[in-house]
Amino acid sequence: MIDINLHHAQLVVDPIDQEVAEHYQYLEELNALDFRVEAQALYAIRKWLLPDRGWSEMGAYLRQEACRYQLTKGQAFGSVWLPGIEGTDFSDAAMAAYRIESRKFHLLVWDELFPNTPFVPADLSQYRQRVDHQFMACPDVPQEWGAPQYEKW
């Protein structure tokens, strides 16, 4: 079984969260991009998601598996605004376009963060949701984890 917490996927995209971008004073630059344009999406990924990650080997593995789970389920890595992809139109056509463009963006993130690991869909039956606080909050510090606690999806 593979223990994951979906918060680990959120950690991958936290640097493009609007509150984080506002705090570090790059929100205007971020919002000026259009993630439907591959060059602009790659610019954002390489500028804000790649540098200074400081992930341990275990932390990288946990984030990768949480992202694999999310991609397999057709879900975003976290709840961050994707400039150019997300809008205020929730019509069926707009939502279909969002799903396509969001997946393309998240696959770009995968390719950049895990360049030596082609995306292969997960066997979802092999994943467990581990919810103990230290596991969720500190994926890079396994020595801090306590006894595992699990919840159903």
C-alpha atoms as a PDB file:
ATOM      1  CA  MET A   1       0.000   0.000   0.000  1.00  0.00           C
ATOM      2  CA  ILE A   2       1.052   3.562  -0.696  1.00  0.00           C
ATOM      3  CA  ASP A   3       0.304   6.045   2.067  1.00  0.00           C
ATOM      4  CA  ILE A   4      -0.441   9.572   0.853  1.00  0.00           C
ATOM      5  CA  ASN A   5      -2.088  12.736   2.009  1.00  0.00           C
ATOM      6  CA  LEU A   6      -3.534  15.020  -0.649  1.00  0.00           C
ATOM      7  CA  HIS A   7      -2.052  18.009   1.167  1.00  0.00           C
ATOM      8  CA  HIS A   8       1.293  16.891  -0.267  1.00  0.00           C
ATOM      9  CA  ALA A   9       0.009  17.653  -3.769  1.00  0.00           C
ATOM     10  CA  GLN A  10      -1.169  21.066  -2.537  1.00  0.00           C
ATOM     11  CA  LEU A  11       2.365  21.737  -1.273  1.00  0.00           C
ATOM     12  CA  VAL A  12       3.645  21.327  -4.834  1.00  0.00           C
ATOM     13  CA  VAL A  13       1.572  24.258  -6.113  1.00  0.00           C
ATOM     14  CA  ASP A  14       1.562  26.446  -2.990  1.00  0.00           C
ATOM     15  CA  PRO A  15       4.083  28.913  -4.494  1.00  0.00           C
ATOM     16  CA  ILE A  16       1.463  29.917  -7.097  1.00  0.00           C
ATOM     17  CA  ASP A  17      -1.274  30.331  -4.501  1.00  0.00           C
ATOM     18  CA  GLN A  18      -2.579  33.898  -4.672  1.00  0.00           C
ATOM     19  CA  GLU A  19      -1.980  34.588  -0.981  1.00  0.00           C
ATOM     20  CA  VAL A  20       1.607  33.325  -1.205  1.00  0.00           C
ATOM     21  CA  ALA A  21       2.220  35.328  -4.387  1.00  0.00           C
ATOM     22  CA  GLU A  22       0.757  38.429  -2.762  1.00  0.00           C
ATOM     23  CA  HIS A  23       2.899  37.964   0.354  1.00  0.00           C
ATOM     24  CA  TYR A  24       6.076  37.637  -1.719  1.00  0.00           C
ATOM     25  CA  GLN A  25       4.949  40.458  -4.040  1.00  0.00           C
ATOM     26  CA  TYR A  26       4.692  38.634  -7.361  1.00  0.00           C
ATOM     27  CA  LEU A  27       0.910  38.319  -7.607  1.00  0.00           C
ATOM     28  CA  GLU A  28       0.652  40.896 -10.385  1.00  0.00           C
ATOM     29  CA  GLU A  29       3.272  39.078 -12.471  1.00  0.00           C
ATOM     30  CA  LEU A  30       1.574  35.732 -11.825  1.00  0.00           C
ATOM     31  CA  ASN A  31      -1.883  37.001 -12.762  1.00  0.00           C
ATOM     32  CA  ALA A  32      -0.553  38.529 -15.992  1.00  0.00           C
ATOM     33  CA  LEU A  33       0.291  35.045 -17.286  1.00  0.00           C
ATOM     34  CA  ASP A  34      -1.929  32.725 -19.296  1.00  0.00           C
ATOM     35  CA  PHE A  35      -1.284  29.107 -18.327  1.00  0.00           C
ATOM     36  CA  ARG A  36      -2.979  27.928 -21.530  1.00  0.00           C
ATOM     37  CA  VAL A  37       0.154  29.156 -23.306  1.00  0.00           C
ATOM     38  CA  GLU A  38       2.793  26.500 -22.707  1.00  0.00           C
ATOM     39  CA  ALA A  39       5.707  28.945 -22.639  1.00  0.00           C
ATOM     40  CA  GLN A  40       3.978  31.056 -19.970  1.00  0.00           C
ATOM     41  CA  ALA A  41       3.013  28.007 -17.914  1.00  0.00           C
ATOM     42  CA  LEU A  42       6.588  26.714 -18.075  1.00  0.00           C
ATOM     43  CA  TYR A  43       7.863  30.147 -17.074  1.00  0.00           C
ATOM     44  CA  ALA A  44       5.703  30.074 -13.937  1.00  0.00           C
ATOM     45  CA  ILE A  45       6.584  26.470 -13.094  1.00  0.00           C
ATOM     46  CA  ARG A  46      10.299  27.071 -13.514  1.00  0.00           C
ATOM     47  CA  LYS A  47      10.260  30.391 -11.686  1.00  0.00           C
ATOM     48  CA  TRP A  48       8.079  29.527  -8.702  1.00  0.00           C
ATOM     49  CA  LEU A  49       7.655  25.758  -8.407  1.00  0.00           C
ATOM     50  CA  LEU A  50      11.136  24.429  -9.186  1.00  0.00           C
ATOM     51  CA  PRO A  51      13.663  26.553  -7.291  1.00  0.00           C
ATOM     52  CA  ASP A  52      14.685  25.957  -3.716  1.00  0.00           C
ATOM     53  CA  ARG A  53      12.333  23.066  -3.101  1.00  0.00           C
ATOM     54  CA  GLY A  54      14.471  21.551  -0.365  1.00  0.00           C
ATOM     55  CA  TRP A  55      12.558  18.287  -0.540  1.00  0.00           C
ATOM     56  CA  SER A  56      13.967  15.161   1.030  1.00  0.00           C
ATOM     57  CA  GLU A  57      13.904  11.957  -1.003  1.00  0.00           C
ATOM     58  CA  MET A  58      10.890  10.760   1.014  1.00  0.00           C
ATOM     59  CA  GLY A  59       9.150  14.134   0.691  1.00  0.00           C
ATOM     60  CA  ALA A  60       9.625  14.116  -3.086  1.00  0.00           C
ATOM     61  CA  TYR A  61       8.208  10.578  -3.271  1.00  0.00           C
ATOM     62  CA  LEU A  62       5.149  11.489  -1.187  1.00  0.00           C
ATOM     63  CA  ARG A  63       4.463  14.590  -3.252  1.00  0.00           C
ATOM     64  CA  GLN A  64       4.891  12.639  -6.485  1.00  0.00           C
ATOM     65  CA  GLU A  65       2.491   9.916  -5.411  1.00  0.00           C
ATOM     66  CA  ALA A  66      -0.092  12.446  -4.198  1.00  0.00           C
ATOM     67  CA  CYS A  67       0.190  14.197  -7.584  1.00  0.00           C
ATOM     68  CA  ARG A  68      -0.081  10.860  -9.423  1.00  0.00           C
ATOM     69  CA  TYR A  69      -3.250  10.082  -7.448  1.00  0.00           C
ATOM     70  CA  GLN A  70      -4.742  13.499  -8.256  1.00  0.00           C
ATOM     71  CA  LEU A  71      -3.874  13.275 -11.958  1.00  0.00           C
ATOM     72  CA  THR A  72      -5.359   9.800 -12.166  1.00  0.00           C
ATOM     73  CA  LYS A  73      -8.571  11.072 -10.575  1.00  0.00           C
ATOM     74  CA  GLY A  74      -8.628  14.056 -12.969  1.00  0.00           C
ATOM     75  CA  GLN A  75      -8.211  16.527 -10.118  1.00  0.00           C
ATOM     76  CA  ALA A  76      -5.995  19.560  -9.619  1.00  0.00           C
ATOM     77  CA  PHE A  77      -3.017  19.278  -7.276  1.00  0.00           C
ATOM     78  CA  GLY A  78      -4.516  21.872  -4.975  1.00  0.00           C
ATOM     79  CA  SER A  79      -6.858  24.783  -4.750  1.00  0.00           C
ATOM     80  CA  VAL A  80      -4.840  27.464  -6.513  1.00  0.00           C
ATOM     81  CA  TRP A  81      -6.006  29.881  -9.195  1.00  0.00           C
ATOM     82  CA  LEU A  82      -4.628  29.008 -12.631  1.00  0.00           C
ATOM     83  CA  PRO A  83      -4.364  32.280 -14.595  1.00  0.00           C
ATOM     84  CA  GLY A  84      -5.844  32.003 -18.059  1.00  0.00           C
ATOM     85  CA  ILE A  85      -7.379  28.613 -17.330  1.00  0.00           C
ATOM     86  CA  GLU A  86      -9.886  29.418 -14.628  1.00  0.00           C
ATOM     87  CA  GLY A  87     -12.593  31.953 -15.148  1.00  0.00           C
ATOM     88  CA  THR A  88     -16.003  32.937 -13.917  1.00  0.00           C
ATOM     89  CA  ASP A  89     -17.968  31.223 -16.660  1.00  0.00           C
ATOM     90  CA  PHE A  90     -19.254  27.903 -15.344  1.00  0.00           C
ATOM     91  CA  SER A  91     -21.112  26.835 -18.470  1.00  0.00           C
ATOM     92  CA  ASP A  92     -20.686  23.242 -19.634  1.00  0.00           C
ATOM     93  CA  ALA A  93     -18.410  24.363 -22.471  1.00  0.00           C
ATOM     94  CA  ALA A  94     -16.248  26.475 -20.147  1.00  0.00           C
ATOM     95  CA  MET A  95     -15.946  23.635 -17.631  1.00  0.00           C
ATOM     96  CA  ALA A  96     -14.971  21.175 -20.373  1.00  0.00           C
ATOM     97  CA  ALA A  97     -12.273  23.586 -21.563  1.00  0.00           C
ATOM     98  CA  TYR A  98     -11.119  24.059 -17.954  1.00  0.00           C
ATOM     99  CA  ARG A  99     -10.727  20.297 -17.456  1.00  0.00           C
ATOM    100  CA  ILE A 100      -8.624  19.977 -20.611  1.00  0.00           C
ATOM    101  CA  GLU A 101      -6.413  22.996 -19.920  1.00  0.00           C
ATOM    102  CA  SER A 102      -6.032  22.201 -16.219  1.00  0.00           C
ATOM    103  CA  ARG A 103      -4.884  18.660 -17.008  1.00  0.00           C
ATOM    104  CA  LYS A 104      -2.390  19.959 -19.570  1.00  0.00           C
ATOM    105  CA  PHE A 105      -0.989  22.369 -16.983  1.00  0.00           C
ATOM    106  CA  HIS A 106      -0.748  19.718 -14.285  1.00  0.00           C
ATOM    107  CA  LEU A 107       0.993  17.319 -16.663  1.00  0.00           C
ATOM    108  CA  LEU A 108       3.512  20.098 -17.416  1.00  0.00           C
ATOM    109  CA  VAL A 109       4.068  20.481 -13.688  1.00  0.00           C
ATOM    110  CA  TRP A 110       4.599  16.705 -13.436  1.00  0.00           C
ATOM    111  CA  ASP A 111       7.100  16.694 -16.308  1.00  0.00           C
ATOM    112  CA  GLU A 112       9.089  19.571 -14.817  1.00  0.00           C
ATOM    113  CA  LEU A 113       9.103  18.386 -11.204  1.00  0.00           C
ATOM    114  CA  PHE A 114       9.620  14.703 -11.905  1.00  0.00           C
ATOM    115  CA  PRO A 115      11.564  14.751 -15.206  1.00  0.00           C
ATOM    116  CA  ASN A 116      12.861  11.190 -15.011  1.00  0.00           C
ATOM    117  CA  THR A 117       9.457   9.679 -14.237  1.00  0.00           C
ATOM    118  CA  PRO A 118       6.923   9.626 -17.059  1.00  0.00           C
ATOM    119  CA  PHE A 119       3.381   9.913 -15.759  1.00  0.00           C
ATOM    120  CA  VAL A 120       1.671   6.547 -15.474  1.00  0.00           C
ATOM    121  CA  PRO A 121      -1.842   6.455 -13.981  1.00  0.00           C
ATOM    122  CA  ALA A 122      -2.073   5.094 -10.470  1.00  0.00           C
ATOM    123  CA  ASP A 123      -3.706   1.878  -9.415  1.00  0.00           C
ATOM    124  CA  LEU A 124      -6.005   3.696  -6.993  1.00  0.00           C
ATOM    125  CA  SER A 125      -6.679   0.529  -5.009  1.00  0.00           C
ATOM    126  CA  GLN A 126      -3.061   0.708  -3.790  1.00  0.00           C
ATOM    127  CA  TYR A 127      -3.430   4.101  -2.082  1.00  0.00           C
ATOM    128  CA  ARG A 128      -4.417   4.826   1.501  1.00  0.00           C
ATOM    129  CA  GLN A 129      -5.250   8.229   2.931  1.00  0.00           C
ATOM    130  CA  ARG A 130      -2.962   8.799   5.882  1.00  0.00           C
ATOM    131  CA  VAL A 131      -4.178  11.664   8.039  1.00  0.00           C
ATOM    132  CA  ASP A 132      -1.963  11.891  11.124  1.00  0.00           C
ATOM    133  CA  HIS A 133      -0.845  15.505  11.490  1.00  0.00           C
ATOM    134  CA  GLN A 134       2.941  15.086  11.373  1.00  0.00           C
ATOM    135  CA  PHE A 135       2.759  12.918   8.243  1.00  0.00           C
ATOM    136  CA  MET A 136       0.530  15.486   6.552  1.00  0.00           C
ATOM    137  CA  ALA A 137       2.455  18.573   7.662  1.00  0.00           C
ATOM    138  CA  CYS A 138       6.033  17.275   7.474  1.00  0.00           C
ATOM    139  CA  PRO A 139       6.500  14.967   4.479  1.00  0.00           C
ATOM    140  CA  ASP A 140      10.250  15.650   4.481  1.00  0.00           C
ATOM    141  CA  VAL A 141      10.854  14.624   8.092  1.00  0.00           C
ATOM    142  CA  PRO A 142       9.810  10.986   8.573  1.00  0.00           C
ATOM    143  CA  GLN A 143      11.526  10.825  11.957  1.00  0.00           C
ATOM    144  CA  GLU A 144       8.848  13.231  13.233  1.00  0.00           C
ATOM    145  CA  TRP A 145       5.922  11.074  12.160  1.00  0.00           C
ATOM    146  CA  GLY A 146       3.979   9.242  14.806  1.00  0.00           C
ATOM    147  CA  ALA A 147       1.733   6.239  14.540  1.00  0.00           C
ATOM    148  CA  PRO A 148      -0.175   6.216  11.254  1.00  0.00           C
ATOM    149  CA  GLN A 149      -3.841   7.126  11.216  1.00  0.00           C
ATOM    150  CA  TYR A 150      -6.018   6.484   8.188  1.00  0.00           C
ATOM    151  CA  GLU A 151      -9.376   7.640   6.876  1.00  0.00           C
ATOM    152  CA  LYS A 152     -11.463   6.394   4.014  1.00  0.00           C
ATOM    153  CA  TRP A 153     -11.458   8.490   0.875  1.00  0.00           C
END
